[in-house]
């Protein structure tokens, strides 16, 4: 049953990832920057065209756009990301490719960047590389994050592809690059194995004297009648 549930969970994650294929996330745009625009989509199209130097006269065919569904942060906190869904998958890929090629994107004094809209499970696996990426940047070692959650590192001795953050950490420690990995949430199997039976309430004490049933009373009456005869 647990194995079947894990298979269903994997399928749901895959379907969610496919449903997000035409989405992008834009990070670093200040809160309420869109307040003076007629609508969010027009604001976002103008932002992308101006920052990415997209000369296409046609619109980008953004179907909908909104901030990440989270409480509005304080003025000191990072702004919420913007999620945009494109009608055309090729247009979305063009925007992502152009943004990555440009590397540094400035908009009104703010540095912004674009990325795919990953499913939560994939996003968590990619975040686990954050300490490894920090260490690689400090040592000026080039790397790429491959889909869904692999790390490609261009060492002087050759290129290495890591399939998990744990694998990357183990190998990088051997190379003299100590890194730590974010703790992984427990799997469904581990959570079930830790479960124990618990009492839901006080156990009712069995009374010392149990009242006889009507059936017992009937047989007792018949016995008494027989004895009287």
Protein backbone atom coordinates (compact mmCIF):
# COMPACT_ATOMS: atom_id res chain seq x y z
CA UNK A 1 0.00 0.00 0.00
CA UNK A 2 2.83 2.38 0.88
CA UNK A 3 4.65 1.57 -2.34
CA UNK A 4 1.48 2.19 -4.35
CA UNK A 5 0.95 5.53 -2.60
CA UNK A 6 4.52 6.58 -3.39
CA UNK A 7 3.94 5.69 -7.05
CA UNK A 8 0.80 7.85 -7.09
CA UNK A 9 2.76 10.68 -5.46
CA UNK A 10 5.46 10.43 -8.15
CA UNK A 11 2.83 10.50 -10.90
CA UNK A 12 1.16 13.55 -9.39
CA UNK A 13 4.52 15.35 -9.23
CA UNK A 14 5.12 14.49 -12.88
CA UNK A 15 1.69 15.77 -13.92
CA UNK A 16 2.16 18.97 -11.95
CA UNK A 17 5.51 19.54 -13.64
CA UNK A 18 3.93 19.06 -17.07
CA UNK A 19 1.15 21.50 -16.18
CA UNK A 20 3.80 24.14 -15.41
CA UNK A 21 5.76 23.69 -18.65
CA UNK A 22 4.49 26.93 -20.16
CA UNK A 23 5.15 28.96 -16.99
CA UNK A 24 8.11 31.06 -15.93
CA UNK A 25 8.99 32.66 -12.61
CA UNK A 26 10.52 36.11 -12.42
CA UNK A 27 12.43 37.02 -9.27
CA UNK A 28 13.50 40.39 -7.93
CA UNK A 29 10.69 42.65 -9.18
CA UNK A 30 9.76 44.99 -6.28
CA UNK A 31 6.33 44.68 -4.71
CA UNK A 32 3.65 46.98 -6.17
CA UNK A 33 5.86 47.84 -9.16
CA UNK A 34 2.87 46.98 -11.33
CA UNK A 35 0.53 49.37 -9.49
CA UNK A 36 0.66 52.10 -12.17
CA UNK A 37 -0.05 49.77 -15.09
CA UNK A 38 -3.47 49.12 -16.56
CA UNK A 39 -3.14 45.39 -15.91
CA UNK A 40 -0.53 42.90 -14.77
CA UNK A 41 -0.03 41.27 -18.16
CA UNK A 42 0.72 44.58 -19.91
CA UNK A 43 3.17 45.49 -17.16
CA UNK A 44 4.97 42.17 -17.47
CA UNK A 45 5.16 42.27 -21.27
CA UNK A 46 6.69 45.76 -21.16
CA UNK A 47 9.17 44.64 -18.50
CA UNK A 48 10.32 41.57 -20.44
CA UNK A 49 10.58 43.37 -23.78
CA UNK A 50 12.61 46.24 -22.32
CA UNK A 51 14.97 44.18 -20.17
CA UNK A 52 15.53 41.31 -22.62
CA UNK A 53 15.66 43.50 -25.74
CA UNK A 54 12.90 41.52 -27.42
CA UNK A 55 12.21 43.39 -30.66
CA UNK A 56 9.12 41.41 -31.62
CA UNK A 57 6.25 43.83 -32.37
CA UNK A 58 3.67 41.21 -31.41
CA UNK A 59 2.73 40.59 -27.82
CA UNK A 60 4.29 37.73 -25.90
CA UNK A 61 0.97 35.90 -25.61
CA UNK A 62 0.96 35.80 -21.83
CA UNK A 63 -2.29 34.15 -20.80
CA UNK A 64 -2.16 35.18 -17.15
CA UNK A 65 0.28 36.52 -14.59
CA UNK A 66 0.26 37.06 -10.85
CA UNK A 67 2.45 37.23 -7.78
CA UNK A 68 3.25 34.05 -5.88
CA UNK A 69 0.41 33.12 -3.56
CA UNK A 70 1.96 34.17 -0.27
CA UNK A 71 1.40 36.99 2.23
CA UNK A 72 2.75 40.37 1.17
CA UNK A 73 6.28 40.61 2.61
CA UNK A 74 7.64 43.49 4.63
CA UNK A 75 9.60 46.28 2.97
CA UNK A 76 12.91 44.71 4.06
CA UNK A 77 12.07 41.20 2.82
CA UNK A 78 12.52 39.84 -0.69
CA UNK A 79 9.58 40.51 -3.02
CA UNK A 80 7.35 37.67 -4.08
CA UNK A 81 8.15 36.10 -7.40
CA UNK A 82 5.93 36.64 -10.45
CA UNK A 83 4.43 33.64 -12.23
CA UNK A 84 3.52 34.01 -15.89
CA UNK A 85 1.80 31.45 -18.11
CA UNK A 86 2.39 31.71 -21.87
CA UNK A 87 -0.05 30.52 -24.50
CA UNK A 88 2.84 29.45 -26.71
CA UNK A 89 5.49 27.12 -25.29
CA UNK A 90 8.08 28.29 -27.85
CA UNK A 91 7.64 31.90 -26.76
CA UNK A 92 8.20 30.88 -23.16
CA UNK A 93 11.38 29.02 -24.14
CA UNK A 94 12.58 32.07 -26.10
CA UNK A 95 12.13 34.30 -23.05
CA UNK A 96 13.97 31.85 -20.77
CA UNK A 97 16.82 31.33 -23.24
CA UNK A 98 17.25 35.08 -23.81
CA UNK A 99 17.25 35.77 -20.07
CA UNK A 100 19.86 33.09 -19.40
CA UNK A 101 22.09 34.28 -22.23
CA UNK A 102 21.97 37.83 -20.94
CA UNK A 103 22.86 36.60 -17.41
CA UNK A 104 22.61 40.02 -15.70
CA UNK A 105 19.23 41.74 -16.06
CA UNK A 106 18.70 45.18 -14.55
CA UNK A 107 15.32 46.88 -14.21
CA UNK A 108 15.07 50.29 -12.51
CA UNK A 109 18.06 49.56 -10.32
CA UNK A 110 16.90 46.06 -9.39
CA UNK A 111 18.56 42.87 -10.51
CA UNK A 112 16.00 40.34 -11.71
CA UNK A 113 16.25 36.86 -13.18
CA UNK A 114 13.96 34.32 -14.82
CA UNK A 115 13.62 30.59 -14.34
CA UNK A 116 11.23 27.73 -15.01
CA UNK A 117 8.24 27.31 -12.71
CA UNK A 118 9.26 24.03 -11.10
CA UNK A 119 6.97 21.73 -9.13
CA UNK A 120 7.58 21.91 -5.34
CA UNK A 121 9.30 18.51 -5.20
CA UNK A 122 11.74 19.43 -7.99
CA UNK A 123 12.31 22.88 -6.52
CA UNK A 124 13.26 21.35 -3.16
CA UNK A 125 15.77 18.98 -4.78
CA UNK A 126 17.37 21.89 -6.63
CA UNK A 127 17.56 24.01 -3.48
CA UNK A 128 19.55 21.28 -1.76
CA UNK A 129 22.48 22.21 -4.03
CA UNK A 130 22.64 25.76 -2.68
CA UNK A 131 25.69 25.21 -0.45
CA UNK A 132 27.49 23.32 -3.21
CA UNK A 133 26.82 26.19 -5.62
CA UNK A 134 28.07 28.72 -3.08
CA UNK A 135 31.31 26.78 -2.69
CA UNK A 136 31.76 26.50 -6.46
CA UNK A 137 31.27 30.26 -6.90
CA UNK A 138 33.82 30.99 -4.18
CA UNK A 139 36.38 28.87 -6.03
CA UNK A 140 35.40 30.30 -9.43
CA UNK A 141 34.32 26.90 -10.78
CA UNK A 142 31.73 27.01 -13.54
CA UNK A 143 28.58 24.90 -13.18
CA UNK A 144 25.10 24.39 -14.61
CA UNK A 145 21.90 23.14 -12.99
CA UNK A 146 20.30 20.61 -15.30
CA UNK A 147 16.67 19.54 -15.31
CA UNK A 148 15.16 18.23 -13.18
CA UNK A 149 17.71 18.39 -10.37
CA UNK A 150 21.21 17.57 -11.57
CA UNK A 151 24.37 19.60 -11.21
CA UNK A 152 26.97 19.77 -13.97
CA UNK A 153 30.35 21.01 -12.78
CA UNK A 154 33.25 21.95 -15.05
CA UNK A 155 36.33 21.03 -13.03
CA UNK A 156 39.83 21.56 -14.41
CA UNK A 157 40.26 17.77 -14.60
CA UNK A 158 37.00 17.32 -16.49
CA UNK A 159 33.22 17.66 -16.36
CA UNK A 160 31.20 15.83 -13.71
CA UNK A 161 27.40 15.48 -13.50
CA UNK A 162 25.85 14.88 -10.08
CA UNK A 163 22.39 13.31 -9.88
CA UNK A 164 21.70 14.41 -6.31
CA UNK A 165 22.92 16.93 -3.77
CA UNK A 166 24.15 14.09 -1.55
CA UNK A 167 26.27 12.71 -4.39
CA UNK A 168 27.68 16.18 -5.07
CA UNK A 169 28.53 16.74 -1.40
CA UNK A 170 30.33 13.39 -1.08
CA UNK A 171 32.49 13.99 -4.14
CA UNK A 172 33.18 17.66 -3.42
CA UNK A 173 34.39 16.86 0.10
CA UNK A 174 36.94 14.48 -1.45
CA UNK A 175 38.06 17.35 -3.67
CA UNK A 176 38.62 19.60 -0.66
CA UNK A 177 35.37 21.52 -1.08
CA UNK A 178 33.39 20.91 2.14
CA UNK A 179 29.66 21.42 1.67
CA UNK A 180 26.52 20.59 3.61
CA UNK A 181 23.18 19.36 2.30
CA UNK A 182 19.76 20.44 3.51
CA UNK A 183 18.05 17.67 5.44
CA UNK A 184 15.59 15.74 3.31
CA UNK A 185 11.98 15.48 4.49
CA UNK A 186 11.06 11.98 5.60
CA UNK A 187 9.63 9.70 2.94
CA UNK A 188 6.17 8.23 3.30
CA UNK A 189 7.66 4.88 4.31
CA UNK A 190 9.80 6.44 7.05
CA UNK A 191 6.86 8.41 8.41
CA UNK A 192 4.70 5.29 8.62
CA UNK A 193 7.47 3.26 10.26
CA UNK A 194 7.75 5.85 13.03
CA UNK A 195 4.07 5.62 13.83
CA UNK A 196 3.14 3.87 17.09
CA UNK A 197 -0.19 2.89 18.56
CA UNK A 198 -1.46 5.45 21.02
CA UNK A 199 -4.31 5.42 23.49
CA UNK A 200 -7.01 7.86 22.52
CA UNK A 201 -8.50 8.08 25.99
CA UNK A 202 -8.71 6.54 29.41
CA UNK A 203 -9.53 2.88 29.49
CA UNK A 204 -12.84 2.18 31.08
CA UNK A 205 -12.54 -0.02 34.12
CA UNK A 206 -14.52 -3.23 33.96
CA UNK A 207 -17.11 -3.16 36.73
CA UNK A 208 -16.66 -5.68 39.49
CA UNK A 209 -20.25 -6.88 39.17
CA UNK A 210 -21.76 -7.43 35.76
CA UNK A 211 -25.55 -7.51 35.67
CA UNK A 212 -26.87 -10.77 34.21
CA UNK A 213 -28.60 -10.68 30.88
CA UNK A 214 -32.24 -11.56 30.34
CA UNK A 215 -31.16 -14.89 28.88
CA UNK A 216 -29.20 -15.75 32.02
CA UNK A 217 -32.17 -14.76 34.16
CA UNK A 218 -34.48 -17.01 32.10
CA UNK A 219 -32.25 -20.09 32.44
CA UNK A 220 -31.81 -19.41 36.16
CA UNK A 221 -35.60 -19.25 36.53
CA UNK A 222 -36.04 -22.59 34.70
CA UNK A 223 -33.42 -24.24 36.90
CA UNK A 224 -35.18 -23.01 40.01
CA UNK A 225 -38.50 -24.39 38.77
CA UNK A 226 -36.93 -27.80 38.15
CA UNK A 227 -35.34 -27.90 41.57
CA UNK A 228 -38.69 -27.06 43.21
CA UNK A 229 -40.27 -30.09 41.57
